Each structure stands twice: as C-alpha cells, then as structure tokens.
Amino acid sequence: MIKIKSDLCKGCDICIESCSKNVYTKSSKENKKGVYLPCPDNQENCNNCHLCELMCPDQAITVEKDESNKKSNVGDGSDKEDVEE
C-alpha cells in the first residue's frame, strides 16, 4: 500500500519519473498548496522496491507491504517435492 502525505508533497514528480512499474499518474487533485499530487493508481504493479519512497525529497511517500491480498501456502503441502511411490 502506498500512502502520500498531501501536506508534504510539493509536486516534483520524482516518484512518477523514478517508478519503472508505472504505478503513479498525475492527479487532478490539488493539495492545500495548489500542487497537483501524484496518484498511485496502479498499485497492483508495485513490487515494493521503495524507490519512490527513497527518492522523495520531502519524505511524503510511505510504501507498506500489503499482506491482506497475499495467499498463504503455509501448511498446505505446496512446498513439498513430488515423490514417486
């Protein structure tokens, strides 16, 4: 999950330019400063590299790993090798 702190964003678009997965688009929504914010419209493309978070000069972006949509295979036997009997 990607969170953008609208009060900190200055609209520099570094996050948009640095993302190789095209997660961000330019929004028509303005913050209090009149800045058009980046919008993480394609979060499903995010690979959690955190590059946008690291590149943001204003620390306005937080990338959190979203585990809610991940399927857990723990204990279902999917990690075992096929064995011939």
N, C-alpha and C. Protein backbone atom coordinates (compact mmCIF):
# COMPACT_ATOMS: atom_id res chain seq x y z
N MET A 1 0.84 -1.17 0.00
CA MET A 1 0.00 0.00 0.00
C MET A 1 0.90 1.24 0.00
N ILE A 2 0.57 2.18 -0.83
CA ILE A 2 1.33 3.42 -0.96
C ILE A 2 0.50 4.56 -0.38
N LYS A 3 1.13 5.31 0.52
CA LYS A 3 0.46 6.46 1.12
C LYS A 3 1.25 7.72 0.78
N ILE A 4 0.53 8.75 0.36
CA ILE A 4 1.15 10.03 0.05
C ILE A 4 0.62 11.07 1.03
N LYS A 5 1.53 11.71 1.73
CA LYS A 5 1.16 12.77 2.67
C LYS A 5 0.99 14.05 1.86
N SER A 6 -0.25 14.39 1.60
CA SER A 6 -0.55 15.51 0.70
C SER A 6 -0.03 16.85 1.23
N ASP A 7 0.07 16.98 2.54
CA ASP A 7 0.56 18.24 3.10
C ASP A 7 2.07 18.42 2.91
N LEU A 8 2.79 17.32 2.64
CA LEU A 8 4.24 17.40 2.44
C LEU A 8 4.65 17.43 0.97
N CYS A 9 3.80 16.91 0.10
CA CYS A 9 4.14 16.79 -1.32
C CYS A 9 4.21 18.16 -1.99
N LYS A 10 5.28 18.37 -2.77
CA LYS A 10 5.43 19.64 -3.50
C LYS A 10 5.24 19.46 -5.00
N GLY A 11 4.84 18.25 -5.42
CA GLY A 11 4.53 18.01 -6.83
C GLY A 11 5.73 17.96 -7.75
N CYS A 12 6.86 17.49 -7.26
CA CYS A 12 8.08 17.48 -8.08
C CYS A 12 8.07 16.35 -9.13
N ASP A 13 7.20 15.36 -8.96
CA ASP A 13 7.04 14.23 -9.88
C ASP A 13 8.23 13.27 -9.92
N ILE A 14 9.14 13.36 -8.96
CA ILE A 14 10.26 12.42 -8.92
C ILE A 14 9.75 10.99 -8.75
N CYS A 15 8.70 10.82 -7.98
CA CYS A 15 8.14 9.48 -7.78
C CYS A 15 7.60 8.91 -9.09
N ILE A 16 6.94 9.75 -9.87
CA ILE A 16 6.40 9.32 -11.16
C ILE A 16 7.53 8.93 -12.11
N GLU A 17 8.56 9.76 -12.16
CA GLU A 17 9.68 9.53 -13.07
C GLU A 17 10.56 8.35 -12.65
N SER A 18 10.68 8.10 -11.35
CA SER A 18 11.58 7.04 -10.88
C SER A 18 10.94 5.66 -10.86
N CYS A 19 9.63 5.58 -10.99
CA CYS A 19 8.95 4.29 -10.90
C CYS A 19 8.95 3.57 -12.25
N SER A 20 9.65 2.45 -12.30
CA SER A 20 9.73 1.67 -13.55
C SER A 20 8.48 0.82 -13.79
N LYS A 21 7.61 0.74 -12.80
CA LYS A 21 6.39 -0.08 -12.90
C LYS A 21 5.16 0.75 -13.23
N ASN A 22 5.35 2.05 -13.48
CA ASN A 22 4.24 2.95 -13.83
C ASN A 22 3.09 2.90 -12.84
N VAL A 23 3.44 2.92 -11.57
CA VAL A 23 2.44 2.90 -10.50
C VAL A 23 1.71 4.23 -10.40
N TYR A 24 2.41 5.34 -10.66
CA TYR A 24 1.87 6.68 -10.43
C TYR A 24 1.36 7.34 -11.70
N THR A 25 0.32 8.15 -11.52
CA THR A 25 -0.14 9.07 -12.54
C THR A 25 -0.26 10.44 -11.88
N LYS A 26 -0.35 11.47 -12.69
CA LYS A 26 -0.54 12.83 -12.16
C LYS A 26 -2.03 13.02 -11.90
N SER A 27 -2.37 13.39 -10.71
CA SER A 27 -3.76 13.55 -10.32
C SER A 27 -4.28 14.95 -10.66
N SER A 28 -5.57 15.08 -10.74
CA SER A 28 -6.18 16.39 -10.90
C SER A 28 -6.52 16.98 -9.53
N LYS A 29 -6.21 16.23 -8.47
CA LYS A 29 -6.46 16.67 -7.11
C LYS A 29 -5.31 17.54 -6.61
N GLU A 30 -5.66 18.68 -6.04
CA GLU A 30 -4.66 19.61 -5.50
C GLU A 30 -4.59 19.50 -3.99
N ASN A 31 -3.40 19.74 -3.45
CA ASN A 31 -3.28 19.86 -2.00
C ASN A 31 -3.51 21.31 -1.60
N LYS A 32 -3.29 21.62 -0.33
CA LYS A 32 -3.54 22.99 0.17
C LYS A 32 -2.63 24.03 -0.47
N LYS A 33 -1.49 23.58 -0.99
CA LYS A 33 -0.54 24.49 -1.63
C LYS A 33 -0.86 24.72 -3.10
N GLY A 34 -1.88 24.04 -3.62
CA GLY A 34 -2.22 24.17 -5.03
C GLY A 34 -1.40 23.27 -5.92
N VAL A 35 -0.77 22.26 -5.32
CA VAL A 35 0.09 21.33 -6.05
C VAL A 35 -0.73 20.13 -6.49
N TYR A 36 -0.57 19.72 -7.75
CA TYR A 36 -1.23 18.52 -8.24
C TYR A 36 -0.43 17.31 -7.79
N LEU A 37 -1.08 16.46 -7.03
CA LEU A 37 -0.42 15.33 -6.39
C LEU A 37 -0.25 14.15 -7.32
N PRO A 38 0.78 13.33 -7.08
CA PRO A 38 0.87 12.05 -7.77
C PRO A 38 -0.19 11.12 -7.19
N CYS A 39 -0.67 10.23 -8.00
CA CYS A 39 -1.70 9.29 -7.56
C CYS A 39 -1.24 7.87 -7.87
N PRO A 40 -1.14 7.01 -6.86
CA PRO A 40 -0.73 5.63 -7.10
C PRO A 40 -1.89 4.78 -7.64
N ASP A 41 -2.32 5.10 -8.86
CA ASP A 41 -3.47 4.43 -9.47
C ASP A 41 -3.23 2.96 -9.79
N ASN A 42 -1.99 2.59 -10.00
CA ASN A 42 -1.68 1.22 -10.43
C ASN A 42 -0.87 0.49 -9.35
N GLN A 43 -1.38 0.50 -8.13
CA GLN A 43 -0.65 -0.12 -7.02
C GLN A 43 -0.43 -1.61 -7.21
N GLU A 44 -1.27 -2.24 -8.02
CA GLU A 44 -1.09 -3.67 -8.26
C GLU A 44 0.21 -3.95 -9.00
N ASN A 45 0.78 -2.94 -9.66
CA ASN A 45 2.06 -3.10 -10.36
C ASN A 45 3.27 -2.95 -9.43
N CYS A 46 3.04 -2.43 -8.24
CA CYS A 46 4.14 -2.12 -7.31
C CYS A 46 4.83 -3.41 -6.86
N ASN A 47 6.17 -3.40 -6.91
CA ASN A 47 6.94 -4.56 -6.45
C ASN A 47 7.63 -4.28 -5.12
N ASN A 48 7.20 -3.25 -4.43
CA ASN A 48 7.72 -2.89 -3.11
C ASN A 48 9.22 -2.63 -3.10
N CYS A 49 9.73 -2.00 -4.14
CA CYS A 49 11.16 -1.68 -4.19
C CYS A 49 11.49 -0.46 -3.32
N HIS A 50 10.50 0.34 -2.99
CA HIS A 50 10.64 1.53 -2.15
C HIS A 50 11.44 2.66 -2.80
N LEU A 51 11.70 2.58 -4.10
CA LEU A 51 12.49 3.61 -4.76
C LEU A 51 11.80 4.97 -4.69
N CYS A 52 10.51 5.00 -4.90
CA CYS A 52 9.77 6.27 -4.83
C CYS A 52 9.88 6.88 -3.43
N GLU A 53 9.79 6.03 -2.43
CA GLU A 53 9.90 6.49 -1.05
C GLU A 53 11.30 7.05 -0.77
N LEU A 54 12.31 6.37 -1.27
CA LEU A 54 13.69 6.81 -1.08
C LEU A 54 14.03 8.08 -1.85
N MET A 55 13.45 8.23 -3.03
CA MET A 55 13.75 9.37 -3.90
C MET A 55 13.00 10.64 -3.49
N CYS A 56 11.90 10.51 -2.79
CA CYS A 56 11.08 11.67 -2.44
C CYS A 56 11.87 12.62 -1.53
N PRO A 57 12.13 13.84 -2.00
CA PRO A 57 12.93 14.77 -1.20
C PRO A 57 12.20 15.31 0.03
N ASP A 58 10.90 15.12 0.08
CA ASP A 58 10.10 15.66 1.19
C ASP A 58 9.56 14.57 2.11
N GLN A 59 9.97 13.33 1.88
CA GLN A 59 9.51 12.19 2.68
C GLN A 59 7.98 12.15 2.76
N ALA A 60 7.36 12.39 1.62
CA ALA A 60 5.91 12.43 1.56
C ALA A 60 5.30 11.08 1.19
N ILE A 61 6.15 10.08 0.87
CA ILE A 61 5.65 8.78 0.42
C ILE A 61 6.05 7.70 1.41
N THR A 62 5.09 6.83 1.72
CA THR A 62 5.35 5.66 2.54
C THR A 62 4.84 4.44 1.77
N VAL A 63 5.72 3.45 1.60
CA VAL A 63 5.34 2.21 0.94
C VAL A 63 5.29 1.13 2.01
N GLU A 64 4.13 0.52 2.16
CA GLU A 64 3.95 -0.56 3.12
C GLU A 64 3.58 -1.82 2.37
N LYS A 65 4.16 -2.92 2.78
CA LYS A 65 3.84 -4.20 2.15
C LYS A 65 2.42 -4.58 2.53
N ASP A 66 1.60 -4.85 1.54
CA ASP A 66 0.20 -5.20 1.77
C ASP A 66 0.07 -6.71 1.76
N GLU A 67 -0.10 -7.28 2.93
CA GLU A 67 -0.20 -8.74 3.07
C GLU A 67 -1.64 -9.22 2.98
N SER A 68 -2.61 -8.33 2.97
CA SER A 68 -4.01 -8.73 3.02
C SER A 68 -4.45 -9.49 1.77
N ASN A 69 -3.82 -9.23 0.63
CA ASN A 69 -4.22 -9.90 -0.61
C ASN A 69 -3.32 -11.07 -0.97
N LYS A 70 -2.35 -11.36 -0.12
CA LYS A 70 -1.43 -12.45 -0.40
C LYS A 70 -1.99 -13.75 0.16
N LYS A 71 -1.90 -14.81 -0.62
CA LYS A 71 -2.35 -16.11 -0.17
C LYS A 71 -1.23 -16.78 0.59
N SER A 72 -1.54 -17.35 1.71
CA SER A 72 -0.54 -18.07 2.48
C SER A 72 -0.58 -19.54 2.11
N ASN A 73 0.58 -20.09 1.80
CA ASN A 73 0.68 -21.51 1.46
C ASN A 73 1.25 -22.31 2.62
N VAL A 74 1.40 -21.70 3.76
CA VAL A 74 1.99 -22.37 4.91
C VAL A 74 1.09 -23.51 5.35
N GLY A 75 1.68 -24.70 5.42
CA GLY A 75 0.96 -25.87 5.92
C GLY A 75 0.06 -26.56 4.91
N ASP A 76 0.04 -26.13 3.65
CA ASP A 76 -0.83 -26.78 2.68
C ASP A 76 -0.12 -27.84 1.85
N GLY A 77 1.17 -28.04 2.12
CA GLY A 77 1.93 -29.06 1.41
C GLY A 77 2.49 -28.61 0.08
N SER A 78 2.27 -27.38 -0.31
CA SER A 78 2.73 -26.91 -1.62
C SER A 78 4.24 -26.76 -1.68
N ASP A 79 4.90 -26.79 -0.53
CA ASP A 79 6.35 -26.64 -0.52
C ASP A 79 7.08 -27.98 -0.61
N LYS A 80 6.35 -29.07 -0.67
CA LYS A 80 6.96 -30.40 -0.72
C LYS A 80 7.24 -30.81 -2.15
N GLU A 81 8.31 -31.57 -2.33
CA GLU A 81 8.66 -32.06 -3.66
C GLU A 81 7.77 -33.24 -4.02
N ASP A 82 7.55 -33.43 -5.32
CA ASP A 82 6.82 -34.60 -5.78
C ASP A 82 7.68 -35.83 -5.57
N VAL A 83 7.11 -36.85 -4.98
CA VAL A 83 7.85 -38.07 -4.69
C VAL A 83 7.11 -39.23 -5.33
N GLU A 84 7.83 -40.04 -6.09
CA GLU A 84 7.20 -41.23 -6.69
C GLU A 84 7.19 -42.34 -5.66
N GLU A 85 6.08 -43.06 -5.59
CA GLU A 85 5.97 -44.18 -4.65
C GLU A 85 5.93 -45.48 -5.39
